[in-house]
Amino acid sequence: MHPDFVISPLSSALDAALQNKIDQKTKPLGSLGQLETLALQIGRVQNSLSPGLNKPCILIFAGDHGIVAAGVSAYPQTVTAQMVANFLLGGAAISVFARQHKIALLIVDAGVKAELGNHPNLIAAKIGNGTKNFLTDPAMSYDQCTQALQAGADLVLRQYEEGCNCIGFGEMGIGNTSSASLVMHCLTDLPLEQCVGRGTGLNDRQLHNKLAVLQQALIRHQNLTTPLEVLATFGGFEIAMMVGAYLKAAELGMLVLVDGFIASSALLVAYKMHPNMPDYCVFSHVSGEQGHQALLQHFKVKALLNMDLRLGEGSGIALAYPLLQSAVLFLNEMATFDEAGVDR
């Protein structure tokens, strides 16, 4: 049995009051554009006319992928563990951006094929030493998949209990754009060619090989009918943990920040299980990875930034976070026409 999550539709009871509060500010109607939409959404998620962002946190889920043996990545598998070490030393892009914006950063070993030792910011939650090669076997068993869902949910609950109401998820896993592409293809029915991109920087020959490998995998595994079957067959331990994390965060009424292509493919699994899921989500950016724009269209959402990012790690979340702060601050602190004595 997989964990059951209850994700309630957002109440619209405060919508009119929130919109009125936004419209009373000293500005022409609608002149803050997407920031006004964002303020309204945050107020809805928190069911408050005076929302706040408390103890923001990014969890980076890291895991290795057996499919790397088929040559789908420009980088060797060892880079996953090396990058985890870089996160913990504070030297990665997300480390820098999280420090800049005072966002707590925790790294989760979901299934890295290495022993990572101990560190205050490292959470040991390893399901296995990387997934199996889905060219020959399902990436993980159904039990491993549900174990990963529960682990992701438990980690979010821990942050919630410590006062966090705004959370985002990053990932690290050489080979995980291959998993994300297959998850996207299977759950959207979009042509595989539209779902597969260059990942870590493949050249044309390597991209052609990646596409051929993924087509072989689809032939090997047919008649996958549920989101969790797709996830267990083609996903990664880090992607499965993200799915559980998304579902738990929405169940708890937290504001959920979504990163790029892989993070959005994990969200796609959660969305197919609970269609209310995107209501709780702020989509930080449109990735430079082919397929992400189509994925956002599938969710019927608009992202905040479009900067050709394709790094992962939760980097887009950290860059977009100040916009959430601005949305909350203008709603709570900007003067109204009456307060400022300004004519309409």
C-alpha atoms as a PDB file:
ATOM      1  CA  MET A   1       0.000   0.000   0.000  1.00  0.00           C
ATOM      2  CA  HIS A   2       1.286   3.438  -0.836  1.00  0.00           C
ATOM      3  CA  PRO A   3       0.832   6.318   1.646  1.00  0.00           C
ATOM      4  CA  ASP A   4      -2.539   8.060   1.356  1.00  0.00           C
ATOM      5  CA  PHE A   5      -2.547  11.842   1.160  1.00  0.00           C
ATOM      6  CA  VAL A   6      -5.541  14.134   1.518  1.00  0.00           C
ATOM      7  CA  ILE A   7      -5.102  17.316  -0.513  1.00  0.00           C
ATOM      8  CA  SER A   8      -8.010  19.685  -0.132  1.00  0.00           C
ATOM      9  CA  PRO A   9      -9.037  22.128  -2.862  1.00  0.00           C
ATOM     10  CA  LEU A  10      -8.108  25.673  -1.861  1.00  0.00           C
ATOM     11  CA  SER A  11     -10.949  27.702  -0.411  1.00  0.00           C
ATOM     12  CA  SER A  12     -12.025  30.761  -2.413  1.00  0.00           C
ATOM     13  CA  ALA A  13     -13.690  32.349   0.646  1.00  0.00           C
ATOM     14  CA  LEU A  14     -11.012  35.045   0.986  1.00  0.00           C
ATOM     15  CA  ASP A  15     -10.550  35.687  -2.745  1.00  0.00           C
ATOM     16  CA  ALA A  16     -12.713  38.801  -2.897  1.00  0.00           C
ATOM     17  CA  ALA A  17     -11.182  40.258   0.273  1.00  0.00           C
ATOM     18  CA  LEU A  18      -7.643  39.526  -0.929  1.00  0.00           C
ATOM     19  CA  GLN A  19      -8.317  41.088  -4.311  1.00  0.00           C
ATOM     20  CA  ASN A  20      -9.880  44.125  -2.647  1.00  0.00           C
ATOM     21  CA  LYS A  21      -6.827  44.505  -0.392  1.00  0.00           C
ATOM     22  CA  ILE A  22      -4.551  44.343  -3.457  1.00  0.00           C
ATOM     23  CA  ASP A  23      -6.700  46.846  -5.374  1.00  0.00           C
ATOM     24  CA  GLN A  24      -6.716  49.371  -2.484  1.00  0.00           C
ATOM     25  CA  LYS A  25      -2.927  49.785  -2.621  1.00  0.00           C
ATOM     26  CA  THR A  26      -1.501  53.031  -3.979  1.00  0.00           C
ATOM     27  CA  LYS A  27      -1.087  51.938  -7.605  1.00  0.00           C
ATOM     28  CA  PRO A  28      -3.129  51.631 -10.772  1.00  0.00           C
ATOM     29  CA  LEU A  29      -5.250  48.471 -10.823  1.00  0.00           C
ATOM     30  CA  GLY A  30      -3.231  45.446 -11.885  1.00  0.00           C
ATOM     31  CA  SER A  31      -0.024  47.433 -12.274  1.00  0.00           C
ATOM     32  CA  LEU A  32       2.089  44.986 -10.265  1.00  0.00           C
ATOM     33  CA  GLY A  33       1.170  42.277 -12.755  1.00  0.00           C
ATOM     34  CA  GLN A  34       2.240  38.752 -11.820  1.00  0.00           C
ATOM     35  CA  LEU A  35       3.234  39.952  -8.359  1.00  0.00           C
ATOM     36  CA  GLU A  36      -0.454  40.595  -7.639  1.00  0.00           C
ATOM     37  CA  THR A  37      -1.378  37.100  -8.844  1.00  0.00           C
ATOM     38  CA  LEU A  38       1.357  35.704  -6.612  1.00  0.00           C
ATOM     39  CA  ALA A  39       0.168  37.656  -3.551  1.00  0.00           C
ATOM     40  CA  LEU A  40      -3.370  36.388  -4.126  1.00  0.00           C
ATOM     41  CA  GLN A  41      -2.146  32.785  -4.429  1.00  0.00           C
ATOM     42  CA  ILE A  42      -0.027  32.953  -1.268  1.00  0.00           C
ATOM     43  CA  GLY A  43      -2.979  34.412   0.630  1.00  0.00           C
ATOM     44  CA  ARG A  44      -5.210  31.603  -0.661  1.00  0.00           C
ATOM     45  CA  VAL A  45      -2.759  28.845   0.252  1.00  0.00           C
ATOM     46  CA  GLN A  46      -2.324  30.264   3.756  1.00  0.00           C
ATOM     47  CA  ASN A  47      -6.020  31.217   4.016  1.00  0.00           C
ATOM     48  CA  SER A  48      -4.935  34.610   5.295  1.00  0.00           C
ATOM     49  CA  LEU A  49      -5.256  38.283   4.388  1.00  0.00           C
ATOM     50  CA  SER A  50      -1.803  38.824   5.931  1.00  0.00           C
ATOM     51  CA  PRO A  51       0.318  35.861   4.770  1.00  0.00           C
ATOM     52  CA  GLY A  52       3.953  35.363   5.751  1.00  0.00           C
ATOM     53  CA  LEU A  53       6.940  33.249   4.725  1.00  0.00           C
ATOM     54  CA  ASN A  54       8.295  31.395   7.747  1.00  0.00           C
ATOM     55  CA  LYS A  55      11.570  29.445   7.901  1.00  0.00           C
ATOM     56  CA  PRO A  56      11.863  28.810   4.138  1.00  0.00           C
ATOM     57  CA  CYS A  57      13.669  25.577   3.338  1.00  0.00           C
ATOM     58  CA  ILE A  58      14.997  23.730   0.297  1.00  0.00           C
ATOM     59  CA  LEU A  59      15.513  19.962   0.438  1.00  0.00           C
ATOM     60  CA  ILE A  60      17.849  18.552  -2.221  1.00  0.00           C
ATOM     61  CA  PHE A  61      17.201  14.866  -2.895  1.00  0.00           C
ATOM     62  CA  ALA A  62      20.183  13.001  -4.354  1.00  0.00           C
ATOM     63  CA  GLY A  63      20.228   9.581  -6.003  1.00  0.00           C
ATOM     64  CA  ASP A  64      22.020   7.548  -8.660  1.00  0.00           C
ATOM     65  CA  HIS A  65      20.554   5.864 -11.737  1.00  0.00           C
ATOM     66  CA  GLY A  66      21.402   2.498 -13.272  1.00  0.00           C
ATOM     67  CA  ILE A  67      20.549   3.782 -16.756  1.00  0.00           C
ATOM     68  CA  VAL A  68      23.828   5.775 -16.749  1.00  0.00           C
ATOM     69  CA  ALA A  69      25.529   2.516 -17.808  1.00  0.00           C
ATOM     70  CA  ALA A  70      23.811   2.947 -21.198  1.00  0.00           C
ATOM     71  CA  GLY A  71      25.685   6.197 -21.912  1.00  0.00           C
ATOM     72  CA  VAL A  72      22.792   8.668 -21.492  1.00  0.00           C
ATOM     73  CA  SER A  73      24.823  11.284 -19.590  1.00  0.00           C
ATOM     74  CA  ALA A  74      27.817  13.435 -20.448  1.00  0.00           C
ATOM     75  CA  TYR A  75      29.064  13.019 -16.856  1.00  0.00           C
ATOM     76  CA  PRO A  76      30.141   9.857 -14.998  1.00  0.00           C
ATOM     77  CA  GLN A  77      28.016   8.538 -12.148  1.00  0.00           C
ATOM     78  CA  THR A  78      30.664   9.499  -9.572  1.00  0.00           C
ATOM     79  CA  VAL A  79      29.679  13.151 -10.023  1.00  0.00           C
ATOM     80  CA  THR A  80      26.480  12.645  -7.969  1.00  0.00           C
ATOM     81  CA  ALA A  81      28.407  11.931  -4.758  1.00  0.00           C
ATOM     82  CA  GLN A  82      31.006  14.588  -5.586  1.00  0.00           C
ATOM     83  CA  MET A  83      28.299  17.225  -6.000  1.00  0.00           C
ATOM     84  CA  VAL A  84      26.668  16.208  -2.719  1.00  0.00           C
ATOM     85  CA  ALA A  85      30.045  16.875  -1.072  1.00  0.00           C
ATOM     86  CA  ASN A  86      30.143  20.247  -2.833  1.00  0.00           C
ATOM     87  CA  PHE A  87      26.656  21.118  -1.479  1.00  0.00           C
ATOM     88  CA  LEU A  88      27.768  20.223   2.031  1.00  0.00           C
ATOM     89  CA  LEU A  89      30.928  22.325   1.699  1.00  0.00           C
ATOM     90  CA  GLY A  90      28.787  25.276   0.576  1.00  0.00           C
ATOM     91  CA  GLY A  91      30.395  25.560  -2.859  1.00  0.00           C
ATOM     92  CA  ALA A  92      27.506  24.809  -5.256  1.00  0.00           C
ATOM     93  CA  ALA A  93      25.287  27.378  -6.949  1.00  0.00           C
ATOM     94  CA  ILE A  94      22.344  26.491  -4.698  1.00  0.00           C
ATOM     95  CA  SER A  95      24.603  26.812  -1.655  1.00  0.00           C
ATOM     96  CA  VAL A  96      25.494  30.363  -2.653  1.00  0.00           C
ATOM     97  CA  PHE A  97      21.914  31.397  -3.498  1.00  0.00           C
ATOM     98  CA  ALA A  98      20.423  29.798  -0.365  1.00  0.00           C
ATOM     99  CA  ARG A  99      22.958  31.682   1.792  1.00  0.00           C
ATOM    100  CA  GLN A 100      22.179  34.893  -0.077  1.00  0.00           C
ATOM    101  CA  HIS A 101      18.458  34.659   0.650  1.00  0.00           C
ATOM    102  CA  LYS A 102      18.718  33.000   4.098  1.00  0.00           C
ATOM    103  CA  ILE A 103      16.979  29.805   2.982  1.00  0.00           C
ATOM    104  CA  ALA A 104      17.760  26.670   4.994  1.00  0.00           C
ATOM    105  CA  LEU A 105      19.371  23.993   2.818  1.00  0.00           C
ATOM    106  CA  LEU A 106      19.348  20.278   3.617  1.00  0.00           C
ATOM    107  CA  ILE A 107      20.733  17.458   1.461  1.00  0.00           C
ATOM    108  CA  VAL A 108      18.969  14.077   1.447  1.00  0.00           C
ATOM    109  CA  ASP A 109      20.777  10.884   0.456  1.00  0.00           C
ATOM    110  CA  ALA A 110      17.847   9.166  -1.254  1.00  0.00           C
ATOM    111  CA  GLY A 111      19.994   6.604  -3.055  1.00  0.00           C
ATOM    112  CA  VAL A 112      23.530   7.753  -3.882  1.00  0.00           C
ATOM    113  CA  LYS A 113      25.887   4.946  -4.926  1.00  0.00           C
ATOM    114  CA  ALA A 114      28.507   5.908  -2.335  1.00  0.00           C
ATOM    115  CA  GLU A 115      28.953   6.214   1.413  1.00  0.00           C
ATOM    116  CA  LEU A 116      28.603   9.897   2.191  1.00  0.00           C
ATOM    117  CA  GLY A 117      29.637   9.988   5.848  1.00  0.00           C
ATOM    118  CA  ASN A 118      28.103  12.335   8.413  1.00  0.00           C
ATOM    119  CA  HIS A 119      27.332  16.039   8.176  1.00  0.00           C
ATOM    120  CA  PRO A 120      24.854  18.236  10.091  1.00  0.00           C
ATOM    121  CA  ASN A 121      23.101  19.172   6.819  1.00  0.00           C
ATOM    122  CA  LEU A 122      23.035  15.654   5.356  1.00  0.00           C
ATOM    123  CA  ILE A 123      20.006  13.436   5.970  1.00  0.00           C
ATOM    124  CA  ALA A 124      20.641   9.706   5.518  1.00  0.00           C
ATOM    125  CA  ALA A 125      17.530   8.186   3.900  1.00  0.00           C
ATOM    126  CA  LYS A 126      19.109   5.818   1.378  1.00  0.00           C
ATOM    127  CA  ILE A 127      16.626   3.397  -0.238  1.00  0.00           C
ATOM    128  CA  GLY A 128      19.387   1.632  -2.183  1.00  0.00           C
ATOM    129  CA  ASN A 129      22.734   2.205  -3.914  1.00  0.00           C
ATOM    130  CA  GLY A 130      21.169   3.740  -6.987  1.00  0.00           C
ATOM    131  CA  THR A 131      18.319   2.341  -9.068  1.00  0.00           C
ATOM    132  CA  LYS A 132      18.560  -0.585 -11.466  1.00  0.00           C
ATOM    133  CA  ASN A 133      19.123  -0.079 -15.187  1.00  0.00           C
ATOM    134  CA  PHE A 134      15.601   0.249 -16.587  1.00  0.00           C
ATOM    135  CA  LEU A 135      16.773  -1.063 -19.948  1.00  0.00           C
ATOM    136  CA  THR A 136      16.582  -4.512 -18.351  1.00  0.00           C
ATOM    137  CA  ASP A 137      14.663  -4.173 -15.051  1.00  0.00           C
ATOM    138  CA  PRO A 138      12.266  -1.742 -13.400  1.00  0.00           C
ATOM    139  CA  ALA A 139      14.327   1.002 -11.748  1.00  0.00           C
ATOM    140  CA  MET A 140      12.917   0.075  -8.346  1.00  0.00           C
ATOM    141  CA  SER A 141      10.429  -2.303  -6.791  1.00  0.00           C
ATOM    142  CA  TYR A 142       6.950  -1.091  -5.872  1.00  0.00           C
ATOM    143  CA  ASP A 143       7.909  -1.445  -2.195  1.00  0.00           C
ATOM    144  CA  GLN A 144      11.016   0.704  -2.683  1.00  0.00           C
ATOM    145  CA  CYS A 145       8.909   3.289  -4.490  1.00  0.00           C
ATOM    146  CA  THR A 146       6.362   3.557  -1.676  1.00  0.00           C
ATOM    147  CA  GLN A 147       9.173   3.567   0.899  1.00  0.00           C
ATOM    148  CA  ALA A 148      10.658   6.583  -0.912  1.00  0.00           C
ATOM    149  CA  LEU A 149       7.276   8.354  -0.993  1.00  0.00           C
ATOM    150  CA  GLN A 150       6.919   7.908   2.760  1.00  0.00           C
ATOM    151  CA  ALA A 151      10.482   9.067   3.423  1.00  0.00           C
ATOM    152  CA  GLY A 152       9.913  12.270   1.439  1.00  0.00           C
ATOM    153  CA  ALA A 153       6.639  12.895   3.289  1.00  0.00           C
ATOM    154  CA  ASP A 154       8.280  12.352   6.683  1.00  0.00           C
ATOM    155  CA  LEU A 155      11.056  14.837   5.902  1.00  0.00           C
ATOM    156  CA  VAL A 156       8.533  17.524   4.972  1.00  0.00           C
ATOM    157  CA  LEU A 157       6.522  16.872   8.136  1.00  0.00           C
ATOM    158  CA  ARG A 158       9.698  17.393  10.173  1.00  0.00           C
ATOM    159  CA  GLN A 159      10.269  20.816   8.579  1.00  0.00           C
ATOM    160  CA  TYR A 160       6.611  21.756   9.062  1.00  0.00           C
ATOM    161  CA  GLU A 161       6.778  20.864  12.746  1.00  0.00           C
ATOM    162  CA  GLU A 162       9.800  23.171  13.081  1.00  0.00           C
ATOM    163  CA  GLY A 163       7.752  26.105  11.759  1.00  0.00           C
ATOM    164  CA  CYS A 164       8.445  26.048   8.021  1.00  0.00           C
ATOM    165  CA  ASN A 165       5.473  27.061   5.832  1.00  0.00           C
ATOM    166  CA  CYS A 166       7.336  27.577   2.540  1.00  0.00           C
ATOM    167  CA  ILE A 167       9.346  24.711   1.063  1.00  0.00           C
ATOM    168  CA  GLY A 168      11.036  23.797  -2.203  1.00  0.00           C
ATOM    169  CA  PHE A 169      12.722  20.698  -3.572  1.00  0.00           C
ATOM    170  CA  GLY A 170      15.880  20.324  -5.623  1.00  0.00           C
ATOM    171  CA  GLU A 171      17.602  17.214  -6.946  1.00  0.00           C
ATOM    172  CA  MET A 172      20.987  15.819  -7.866  1.00  0.00           C
ATOM    173  CA  GLY A 173      21.392  12.608  -9.808  1.00  0.00           C
ATOM    174  CA  ILE A 174      23.474  11.930 -12.907  1.00  0.00           C
ATOM    175  CA  GLY A 175      21.100  10.394 -15.460  1.00  0.00           C
ATOM    176  CA  ASN A 176      17.912  11.779 -13.969  1.00  0.00           C
ATOM    177  CA  THR A 177      16.816  13.738 -17.041  1.00  0.00           C
ATOM    178  CA  SER A 178      16.351  10.333 -18.705  1.00  0.00           C
ATOM    179  CA  SER A 179      14.006   9.272 -15.907  1.00  0.00           C
ATOM    180  CA  ALA A 180      12.183  12.602 -16.034  1.00  0.00           C
ATOM    181  CA  SER A 181      11.733  12.368 -19.818  1.00  0.00           C
ATOM    182  CA  LEU A 182      10.158   8.914 -19.632  1.00  0.00           C
ATOM    183  CA  VAL A 183       7.892   9.886 -16.736  1.00  0.00           C
ATOM    184  CA  MET A 184       6.768  12.928 -18.711  1.00  0.00           C
ATOM    185  CA  HIS A 185       6.170  10.925 -21.893  1.00  0.00           C
ATOM    186  CA  CYS A 186       4.175   8.206 -20.125  1.00  0.00           C
ATOM    187  CA  LEU A 187       1.988  10.588 -18.120  1.00  0.00           C
ATOM    188  CA  THR A 188       1.334  13.254 -20.770  1.00  0.00           C
ATOM    189  CA  ASP A 189       1.298  11.137 -23.975  1.00  0.00           C
ATOM    190  CA  LEU A 190       3.499  13.763 -25.622  1.00  0.00           C
ATOM    191  CA  PRO A 191       5.953  12.313 -28.202  1.00  0.00           C
ATOM    192  CA  LEU A 192       9.172  11.123 -26.562  1.00  0.00           C
ATOM    193  CA  GLU A 193      11.190  13.409 -28.875  1.00  0.00           C
ATOM    194  CA  GLN A 194       9.512  16.426 -27.228  1.00  0.00           C
ATOM    195  CA  CYS A 195      10.354  15.145 -23.746  1.00  0.00           C
ATOM    196  CA  VAL A 196      14.055  14.365 -24.227  1.00  0.00           C
ATOM    197  CA  GLY A 197      16.690  17.095 -24.003  1.00  0.00           C
ATOM    198  CA  ARG A 198      20.449  17.500 -23.715  1.00  0.00           C
ATOM    199  CA  GLY A 199      20.553  17.187 -19.919  1.00  0.00           C
ATOM    200  CA  THR A 200      24.068  17.921 -18.707  1.00  0.00           C
ATOM    201  CA  GLY A 201      25.134  19.047 -22.184  1.00  0.00           C
ATOM    202  CA  LEU A 202      24.995  16.168 -24.651  1.00  0.00           C
ATOM    203  CA  ASN A 203      26.213  16.696 -28.214  1.00  0.00           C
ATOM    204  CA  ASP A 204      24.061  15.638 -31.187  1.00  0.00           C
ATOM    205  CA  ARG A 205      25.457  12.094 -31.315  1.00  0.00           C
ATOM    206  CA  GLN A 206      24.996  11.574 -27.570  1.00  0.00           C
ATOM    207  CA  LEU A 207      21.461  12.990 -27.726  1.00  0.00           C
ATOM    208  CA  HIS A 208      20.600  10.557 -30.535  1.00  0.00           C
ATOM    209  CA  ASN A 209      21.919   7.688 -28.397  1.00  0.00           C
ATOM    210  CA  LYS A 210      19.933   8.861 -25.374  1.00  0.00           C
ATOM    211  CA  LEU A 211      16.719   8.936 -27.405  1.00  0.00           C
ATOM    212  CA  ALA A 212      17.395   5.461 -28.813  1.00  0.00           C
ATOM    213  CA  VAL A 213      18.070   4.050 -25.324  1.00  0.00           C
ATOM    214  CA  LEU A 214      14.849   5.527 -23.953  1.00  0.00           C
ATOM    215  CA  GLN A 215      12.852   4.169 -26.901  1.00  0.00           C
ATOM    216  CA  GLN A 216      14.263   0.698 -26.142  1.00  0.00           C
ATOM    217  CA  ALA A 217      13.231   1.077 -22.507  1.00  0.00           C
ATOM    218  CA  LEU A 218       9.676   1.915 -23.524  1.00  0.00           C
ATOM    219  CA  ILE A 219       9.526  -1.257 -25.649  1.00  0.00           C
ATOM    220  CA  ARG A 220      10.869  -3.271 -22.690  1.00  0.00           C
ATOM    221  CA  HIS A 221       8.246  -1.929 -20.247  1.00  0.00           C
ATOM    222  CA  GLN A 222       4.713  -1.678 -21.629  1.00  0.00           C
ATOM    223  CA  ASN A 223       1.193  -1.496 -20.184  1.00  0.00           C
ATOM    224  CA  LEU A 224       2.111   0.800 -17.308  1.00  0.00           C
ATOM    225  CA  THR A 225      -1.263   2.095 -16.147  1.00  0.00           C
ATOM    226  CA  THR A 226      -0.784   4.054 -12.905  1.00  0.00           C
ATOM    227  CA  PRO A 227       1.484   7.004 -12.017  1.00  0.00           C
ATOM    228  CA  LEU A 228       3.265   4.892  -9.398  1.00  0.00           C
ATOM    229  CA  GLU A 229       3.930   2.087 -11.909  1.00  0.00           C
ATOM    230  CA  VAL A 230       5.559   4.650 -14.207  1.00  0.00           C
ATOM    231  CA  LEU A 231       7.536   6.106 -11.292  1.00  0.00           C
ATOM    232  CA  ALA A 232       8.773   2.713 -10.062  1.00  0.00           C
ATOM    233  CA  THR A 233       9.719   1.588 -13.580  1.00  0.00           C
ATOM    234  CA  PHE A 234      11.563   4.672 -14.816  1.00  0.00           C
ATOM    235  CA  GLY A 235      12.061   6.985 -11.827  1.00  0.00           C
ATOM    236  CA  GLY A 236      14.907   7.541  -9.391  1.00  0.00           C
ATOM    237  CA  PHE A 237      14.890   7.287  -5.627  1.00  0.00           C
ATOM    238  CA  GLU A 238      15.338  11.065  -5.449  1.00  0.00           C
ATOM    239  CA  ILE A 239      12.406  11.643  -7.811  1.00  0.00           C
ATOM    240  CA  ALA A 240      10.164   9.283  -5.826  1.00  0.00           C
ATOM    241  CA  MET A 241      11.060  11.040  -2.570  1.00  0.00           C
ATOM    242  CA  MET A 242      10.198  14.380  -4.179  1.00  0.00           C
ATOM    243  CA  VAL A 243       6.767  13.023  -5.115  1.00  0.00           C
ATOM    244  CA  GLY A 244       6.066  12.116  -1.482  1.00  0.00           C
ATOM    245  CA  ALA A 245       7.449  15.467  -0.363  1.00  0.00           C
ATOM    246  CA  TYR A 246       5.173  17.403  -2.741  1.00  0.00           C
ATOM    247  CA  LEU A 247       2.100  15.478  -1.639  1.00  0.00           C
ATOM    248  CA  LYS A 248       2.800  15.925   2.075  1.00  0.00           C
ATOM    249  CA  ALA A 249       3.588  19.632   1.715  1.00  0.00           C
ATOM    250  CA  ALA A 250       0.260  20.246  -0.034  1.00  0.00           C
ATOM    251  CA  GLU A 251      -1.594  18.101   2.504  1.00  0.00           C
ATOM    252  CA  LEU A 252      -0.124  20.295   5.274  1.00  0.00           C
ATOM    253  CA  GLY A 253      -1.160  23.482   3.443  1.00  0.00           C
ATOM    254  CA  MET A 254       2.408  24.632   2.840  1.00  0.00           C
ATOM    255  CA  LEU A 255       3.457  26.885  -0.033  1.00  0.00           C
ATOM    256  CA  VAL A 256       5.424  24.676  -2.434  1.00  0.00           C
ATOM    257  CA  LEU A 257       8.180  26.066  -4.674  1.00  0.00           C
ATOM    258  CA  VAL A 258       8.861  24.130  -7.874  1.00  0.00           C
ATOM    259  CA  ASP A 259      12.236  24.114  -9.644  1.00  0.00           C
ATOM    260  CA  GLY A 260      12.914  22.927 -13.195  1.00  0.00           C
ATOM    261  CA  PHE A 261      12.411  19.927 -15.449  1.00  0.00           C
ATOM    262  CA  ILE A 262      13.149  17.037 -13.086  1.00  0.00           C
ATOM    263  CA  ALA A 263      11.348  18.670 -10.168  1.00  0.00           C
ATOM    264  CA  SER A 264       8.356  19.259 -12.451  1.00  0.00           C
ATOM    265  CA  SER A 265       8.343  15.658 -13.669  1.00  0.00           C
ATOM    266  CA  ALA A 266       8.159  14.534 -10.030  1.00  0.00           C
ATOM    267  CA  LEU A 267       5.318  16.995  -9.545  1.00  0.00           C
ATOM    268  CA  LEU A 268       3.603  15.459 -12.585  1.00  0.00           C
ATOM    269  CA  VAL A 269       3.363  12.122 -10.744  1.00  0.00           C
ATOM    270  CA  ALA A 270       1.871  13.893  -7.695  1.00  0.00           C
ATOM    271  CA  TYR A 271      -0.524  15.815  -9.959  1.00  0.00           C
ATOM    272  CA  LYS A 272      -1.764  12.628 -11.616  1.00  0.00           C
ATOM    273  CA  MET A 273      -2.511  11.280  -8.123  1.00  0.00           C
ATOM    274  CA  HIS A 274      -4.051  14.527  -6.820  1.00  0.00           C
ATOM    275  CA  PRO A 275      -5.194  17.109  -9.412  1.00  0.00           C
ATOM    276  CA  ASN A 276      -5.391  19.868  -6.729  1.00  0.00           C
ATOM    277  CA  MET A 277      -1.614  19.693  -6.283  1.00  0.00           C
ATOM    278  CA  PRO A 278      -0.590  22.661  -8.527  1.00  0.00           C
ATOM    279  CA  ASP A 279      -2.846  25.063  -6.575  1.00  0.00           C
ATOM    280  CA  TYR A 280      -0.285  24.947  -3.762  1.00  0.00           C
ATOM    281  CA  CYS A 281       2.687  25.427  -6.094  1.00  0.00           C
ATOM    282  CA  VAL A 282       4.650  28.457  -7.220  1.00  0.00           C
ATOM    283  CA  PHE A 283       6.558  27.591 -10.409  1.00  0.00           C
ATOM    284  CA  SER A 284       9.872  29.381 -10.118  1.00  0.00           C
ATOM    285  CA  HIS A 285      11.152  29.300 -13.708  1.00  0.00           C
ATOM    286  CA  VAL A 286      10.981  27.871 -17.214  1.00  0.00           C
ATOM    287  CA  SER A 287      13.965  25.588 -17.709  1.00  0.00           C
ATOM    288  CA  GLY A 288      16.248  25.669 -20.729  1.00  0.00           C
ATOM    289  CA  GLU A 289      15.753  21.884 -20.898  1.00  0.00           C
ATOM    290  CA  GLN A 290      13.508  20.912 -23.803  1.00  0.00           C
ATOM    291  CA  GLY A 291      10.208  19.606 -22.530  1.00  0.00           C
ATOM    292  CA  HIS A 292       9.834  21.798 -19.459  1.00  0.00           C
ATOM    293  CA  GLN A 293       7.747  24.428 -21.249  1.00  0.00           C
ATOM    294  CA  ALA A 294       5.369  21.707 -22.481  1.00  0.00           C
ATOM    295  CA  LEU A 295       5.184  20.346 -18.955  1.00  0.00           C
ATOM    296  CA  LEU A 296       4.197  23.761 -17.581  1.00  0.00           C
ATOM    297  CA  GLN A 297       1.532  24.010 -20.299  1.00  0.00           C
ATOM    298  CA  HIS A 298       0.252  20.608 -19.179  1.00  0.00           C
ATOM    299  CA  PHE A 299      -0.154  22.029 -15.654  1.00  0.00           C
ATOM    300  CA  LYS A 300      -1.756  25.182 -17.170  1.00  0.00           C
ATOM    301  CA  VAL A 301       0.583  27.431 -15.175  1.00  0.00           C
ATOM    302  CA  LYS A 302       2.942  30.339 -15.758  1.00  0.00           C
ATOM    303  CA  ALA A 303       6.417  30.406 -14.235  1.00  0.00           C
ATOM    304  CA  LEU A 304       7.935  33.487 -12.610  1.00  0.00           C
ATOM    305  CA  LEU A 305      11.315  33.540 -14.378  1.00  0.00           C
ATOM    306  CA  ASN A 306      12.601  32.622 -17.822  1.00  0.00           C
ATOM    307  CA  MET A 307      16.395  32.694 -17.648  1.00  0.00           C
ATOM    308  CA  ASP A 308      17.423  29.558 -19.593  1.00  0.00           C
ATOM    309  CA  LEU A 309      18.444  27.825 -16.366  1.00  0.00           C
ATOM    310  CA  ARG A 310      19.061  24.070 -16.570  1.00  0.00           C
ATOM    311  CA  LEU A 311      21.092  23.348 -13.481  1.00  0.00           C
ATOM    312  CA  GLY A 312      18.610  21.732 -11.121  1.00  0.00           C
ATOM    313  CA  GLU A 313      19.644  21.683  -7.443  1.00  0.00           C
ATOM    314  CA  GLY A 314      16.668  23.921  -6.603  1.00  0.00           C
ATOM    315  CA  SER A 315      18.632  26.872  -8.015  1.00  0.00           C
ATOM    316  CA  GLY A 316      15.584  28.403  -9.733  1.00  0.00           C
ATOM    317  CA  ILE A 317      13.662  28.311  -6.460  1.00  0.00           C
ATOM    318  CA  ALA A 318      16.305  30.297  -4.611  1.00  0.00           C
ATOM    319  CA  LEU A 319      16.492  32.882  -7.404  1.00  0.00           C
ATOM    320  CA  ALA A 320      12.698  33.320  -7.483  1.00  0.00           C
ATOM    321  CA  TYR A 321      12.254  33.451  -3.705  1.00  0.00           C
ATOM    322  CA  PRO A 322      12.737  37.270  -3.403  1.00  0.00           C
ATOM    323  CA  LEU A 323       9.683  37.694  -5.663  1.00  0.00           C
ATOM    324  CA  LEU A 324       7.594  35.810  -3.117  1.00  0.00           C
ATOM    325  CA  GLN A 325       8.984  38.065  -0.398  1.00  0.00           C
ATOM    326  CA  SER A 326       8.039  41.138  -2.445  1.00  0.00           C
ATOM    327  CA  ALA A 327       4.524  39.808  -3.042  1.00  0.00           C
ATOM    328  CA  VAL A 328       3.954  39.265   0.673  1.00  0.00           C
ATOM    329  CA  LEU A 329       5.531  42.592   1.656  1.00  0.00           C
ATOM    330  CA  PHE A 330       3.511  44.745  -0.744  1.00  0.00           C
ATOM    331  CA  LEU A 331       0.326  43.034   0.425  1.00  0.00           C
ATOM    332  CA  ASN A 332       1.138  43.585   4.097  1.00  0.00           C
ATOM    333  CA  GLU A 333       3.047  46.892   4.120  1.00  0.00           C
ATOM    334  CA  MET A 334       2.139  49.005   1.082  1.00  0.00           C
ATOM    335  CA  ALA A 335      -0.152  51.915   1.929  1.00  0.00           C
ATOM    336  CA  THR A 336      -3.740  52.130   0.708  1.00  0.00           C
ATOM    337  CA  PHE A 337      -5.109  55.225  -1.040  1.00  0.00           C
ATOM    338  CA  ASP A 338      -6.932  56.231   2.152  1.00  0.00           C
ATOM    339  CA  GLU A 339      -3.889  55.713   4.399  1.00  0.00           C
ATOM    340  CA  ALA A 340      -1.636  57.729   2.116  1.00  0.00           C
ATOM    341  CA  GLY A 341      -4.191  60.432   1.341  1.00  0.00           C
ATOM    342  CA  VAL A 342      -3.745  59.809  -2.385  1.00  0.00           C
ATOM    343  CA  ASP A 343      -6.596  60.566  -4.774  1.00  0.00           C
ATOM    344  CA  ARG A 344      -7.784  57.673  -6.895  1.00  0.00           C
END
